[in-house]
Amino acid sequence: MRNLFIILFVLYPFLSNAQEQDKMDSPSDSQQGLTGLSKSTIFPEKCLGLWEGMMYIFSQGSLRDSVKVKFTAAKTDIKDTFVWKTEYLSPTRPMVKDYKLVLDDLDKGRYLLDEGDGVKLRIYNINNKLYSLFKVNDIYLTSSTELFDDRLVFEVTSGKEEGETQGVKNYSFSNVQRVELRRID
């Protein structure tokens, strides 16, 4: 742990200079900054359309199940609000998560995932990938959505605190859900 602090202390001046340089440099239309935002397109606009793929569900390191998934990203009539709908096409337990992705702060690359029942999760866009970290009761969850040229990869992990060693808390990754989607429309 002490070595980590020493490394960070040594690297801090370089990181600070890089951040100052980033503030002075403005990205061109073809380049993207830290938040992954270009001048013409924000993350959800790049995802517009209908996507399909398979979700694989892992528990305790083993594949437990899989289900076909359909994902829709669409504009709404409300400014900076997008349909962010996932349909789990299970023959035994079909489910629809009809959420809205709302631009919260463009400068910070921050969105809100509005679940429609009062729950709003903060999501951050960094370099063509959305990240979220949250806690429900004593379970920690991470969520990420990454856009590649022709693929959209969505992943959720969950786990609990496993203990502490010298001030560092460890957390399990008990469950992982991973979906790789391809645009179909």
Protein backbone atom coordinates (compact mmCIF):
# COMPACT_ATOMS: atom_id res chain seq x y z
CA MET A 1 0.00 0.00 0.00
CA ARG A 2 2.82 2.35 0.90
CA ASN A 3 4.46 1.66 -2.48
CA LEU A 4 1.25 2.64 -4.25
CA PHE A 5 1.24 6.01 -2.50
CA ILE A 6 4.89 6.56 -3.40
CA ILE A 7 4.22 5.76 -7.06
CA LEU A 8 1.22 8.11 -7.14
CA PHE A 9 3.23 10.84 -5.41
CA VAL A 10 6.03 10.51 -7.97
CA LEU A 11 3.61 10.49 -10.93
CA TYR A 12 1.42 13.34 -9.68
CA PRO A 13 3.46 16.18 -11.27
CA PHE A 14 3.31 14.43 -14.64
CA LEU A 15 -0.42 13.81 -14.35
CA SER A 16 -1.04 17.43 -13.35
CA ASN A 17 0.97 18.71 -16.34
CA ALA A 18 -0.94 16.39 -18.67
CA GLN A 19 -4.24 17.68 -17.32
CA GLU A 20 -3.15 21.30 -17.82
CA GLN A 21 -2.04 20.50 -21.37
CA ASP A 22 -5.39 18.82 -22.05
CA LYS A 23 -7.18 22.00 -20.93
CA MET A 24 -5.14 24.05 -23.42
CA ASP A 25 -5.63 21.64 -26.34
CA SER A 26 -9.06 21.62 -27.93
CA PRO A 27 -9.94 18.44 -29.82
CA SER A 28 -10.59 18.66 -33.55
CA ASP A 29 -13.83 17.36 -35.09
CA SER A 30 -12.23 13.95 -35.64
CA GLN A 31 -10.67 13.68 -32.19
CA GLN A 32 -12.34 13.01 -28.89
CA GLY A 33 -11.44 14.31 -25.46
CA LEU A 34 -11.54 12.57 -22.10
CA THR A 35 -15.33 12.47 -22.06
CA GLY A 36 -15.52 10.87 -25.49
CA LEU A 37 -17.55 13.78 -26.85
CA SER A 38 -16.98 15.13 -30.32
CA LYS A 39 -18.36 18.44 -31.44
CA SER A 40 -21.13 16.83 -33.46
CA THR A 41 -22.22 13.67 -31.62
CA ILE A 42 -22.81 12.62 -28.04
CA PHE A 43 -22.61 8.98 -26.93
CA PRO A 44 -26.31 8.00 -27.14
CA GLU A 45 -26.59 9.51 -30.62
CA LYS A 46 -23.81 7.17 -31.78
CA CYS A 47 -25.89 4.24 -30.49
CA LEU A 48 -29.19 5.08 -32.16
CA GLY A 49 -30.89 2.08 -33.68
CA LEU A 50 -31.92 -1.48 -32.96
CA TRP A 51 -29.35 -3.96 -31.65
CA GLU A 52 -29.47 -7.71 -30.93
CA GLY A 53 -27.21 -10.16 -29.17
CA MET A 54 -26.81 -12.70 -26.40
CA MET A 55 -26.42 -12.07 -22.70
CA TYR A 56 -24.22 -14.53 -20.82
CA ILE A 57 -24.74 -14.81 -17.08
CA PHE A 58 -21.81 -15.95 -14.96
CA SER A 59 -22.00 -16.77 -11.26
CA GLN A 60 -19.02 -17.70 -9.10
CA GLY A 61 -16.86 -17.92 -12.24
CA SER A 62 -19.09 -20.34 -14.20
CA LEU A 63 -21.51 -19.75 -17.04
CA ARG A 64 -24.99 -20.23 -15.57
CA ASP A 65 -27.36 -19.09 -18.30
CA SER A 66 -27.76 -17.13 -21.53
CA VAL A 67 -30.64 -15.22 -23.07
CA LYS A 68 -31.25 -13.39 -26.34
CA VAL A 69 -31.41 -9.60 -25.93
CA LYS A 70 -32.79 -6.77 -28.04
CA PHE A 71 -31.69 -3.18 -27.30
CA THR A 72 -33.22 0.03 -28.65
CA ALA A 73 -31.62 3.48 -28.50
CA ALA A 74 -33.84 6.24 -29.90
CA LYS A 75 -34.44 9.96 -29.62
CA THR A 76 -37.46 11.24 -27.72
CA ASP A 77 -39.43 14.48 -27.98
CA ILE A 78 -37.67 15.66 -24.83
CA LYS A 79 -34.37 17.50 -25.36
CA ASP A 80 -31.28 15.48 -24.30
CA THR A 81 -33.40 12.42 -23.41
CA PHE A 82 -33.09 9.07 -25.19
CA VAL A 83 -34.97 5.79 -25.11
CA TRP A 84 -32.60 3.21 -23.57
CA LYS A 85 -34.69 0.05 -23.74
CA THR A 86 -33.51 -3.53 -23.19
CA GLU A 87 -35.72 -6.54 -23.90
CA TYR A 88 -34.69 -9.91 -22.47
CA LEU A 89 -36.24 -12.47 -24.83
CA SER A 90 -36.28 -15.42 -22.44
CA PRO A 91 -38.90 -18.06 -23.27
CA THR A 92 -39.56 -18.62 -19.55
CA ARG A 93 -38.95 -15.18 -17.96
CA PRO A 94 -39.12 -12.38 -20.56
CA MET A 95 -38.44 -8.90 -19.21
CA VAL A 96 -38.37 -5.32 -20.53
CA LYS A 97 -36.29 -2.52 -18.99
CA ASP A 98 -37.69 0.61 -20.64
CA TYR A 99 -35.33 3.28 -19.32
CA LYS A 100 -34.42 6.79 -20.42
CA LEU A 101 -30.83 8.02 -20.76
CA VAL A 102 -30.73 11.73 -19.94
CA LEU A 103 -27.80 14.07 -20.57
CA ASP A 104 -27.05 15.63 -17.16
CA ASP A 105 -23.80 17.59 -17.63
CA LEU A 106 -22.10 17.62 -21.05
CA ASP A 107 -18.86 19.14 -19.73
CA LYS A 108 -18.46 16.30 -17.22
CA GLY A 109 -19.72 13.63 -19.63
CA ARG A 110 -22.41 12.79 -17.10
CA TYR A 111 -25.77 11.14 -17.79
CA LEU A 112 -28.63 9.86 -15.67
CA LEU A 113 -30.22 6.49 -16.34
CA ASP A 114 -33.84 7.08 -15.39
CA GLU A 115 -35.50 3.79 -14.50
CA GLY A 116 -38.90 5.49 -14.37
CA ASP A 117 -39.68 4.56 -10.77
CA GLY A 118 -37.75 7.36 -9.10
CA VAL A 119 -34.38 5.60 -9.41
CA LYS A 120 -31.79 7.60 -11.36
CA LEU A 121 -28.28 6.19 -11.71
CA ARG A 122 -25.34 8.47 -12.53
CA ILE A 123 -23.37 7.36 -15.54
CA TYR A 124 -20.12 8.83 -16.84
CA ASN A 125 -18.95 8.81 -20.46
CA ILE A 126 -15.21 8.45 -20.91
CA ASN A 127 -13.80 7.77 -24.35
CA ASN A 128 -16.79 5.99 -25.95
CA LYS A 129 -17.67 4.04 -22.83
CA LEU A 130 -20.29 4.61 -20.15
CA TYR A 131 -19.41 3.74 -16.53
CA SER A 132 -21.54 3.49 -13.42
CA LEU A 133 -20.85 2.31 -9.87
CA PHE A 134 -23.60 2.03 -7.28
CA LYS A 135 -24.67 0.12 -4.19
CA VAL A 136 -28.00 -1.57 -3.45
CA ASN A 137 -28.26 -2.66 0.19
CA ASP A 138 -24.89 -4.39 0.75
CA ILE A 139 -24.30 -5.32 -2.91
CA TYR A 140 -21.96 -3.24 -5.08
CA LEU A 141 -22.67 -3.09 -8.80
CA THR A 142 -20.73 -1.79 -11.76
CA SER A 143 -22.18 -1.17 -15.17
CA SER A 144 -20.45 -0.33 -18.43
CA THR A 145 -21.56 0.14 -22.01
CA GLU A 146 -18.85 0.42 -24.66
CA LEU A 147 -19.34 1.28 -28.31
CA PHE A 148 -17.05 -0.25 -30.91
CA ASP A 149 -17.42 0.22 -34.67
CA ASP A 150 -20.16 -2.37 -35.14
CA ARG A 151 -20.71 -3.64 -31.59
CA LEU A 152 -22.15 -2.42 -28.33
CA VAL A 153 -20.91 -4.31 -25.26
CA PHE A 154 -22.89 -4.01 -22.04
CA GLU A 155 -21.67 -5.52 -18.77
CA VAL A 156 -22.93 -5.55 -15.19
CA THR A 157 -21.00 -6.98 -12.25
CA SER A 158 -22.11 -7.47 -8.67
CA GLY A 159 -20.40 -8.44 -5.48
CA LYS A 160 -19.95 -7.76 -1.79
CA GLU A 161 -17.23 -6.53 0.51
CA GLU A 162 -14.81 -9.37 1.27
CA GLY A 163 -12.64 -7.83 3.94
CA GLU A 164 -9.99 -5.27 4.62
CA THR A 165 -6.20 -5.49 4.69
CA GLN A 166 -4.08 -2.53 5.82
CA GLY A 167 -6.83 -0.03 5.01
CA VAL A 168 -7.68 -1.52 1.59
CA LYS A 169 -11.16 -3.00 1.19
CA ASN A 170 -11.63 -5.91 -1.20
CA TYR A 171 -14.81 -6.73 -3.08
CA SER A 172 -15.94 -9.88 -4.83
CA PHE A 173 -17.17 -10.20 -8.39
CA SER A 174 -19.79 -12.84 -7.68
CA ASN A 175 -21.95 -12.30 -10.75
CA VAL A 176 -21.28 -10.96 -14.24
CA GLN A 177 -23.79 -10.33 -17.00
CA ARG A 178 -22.24 -9.60 -20.38
CA VAL A 179 -24.07 -8.75 -23.60
CA GLU A 180 -22.44 -8.23 -26.97
CA LEU A 181 -24.87 -6.54 -29.34
CA ARG A 182 -24.74 -5.99 -33.11
CA ARG A 183 -26.69 -3.24 -34.84
CA ILE A 184 -29.52 -4.66 -36.97
CA ASP A 185 -31.25 -1.39 -37.92
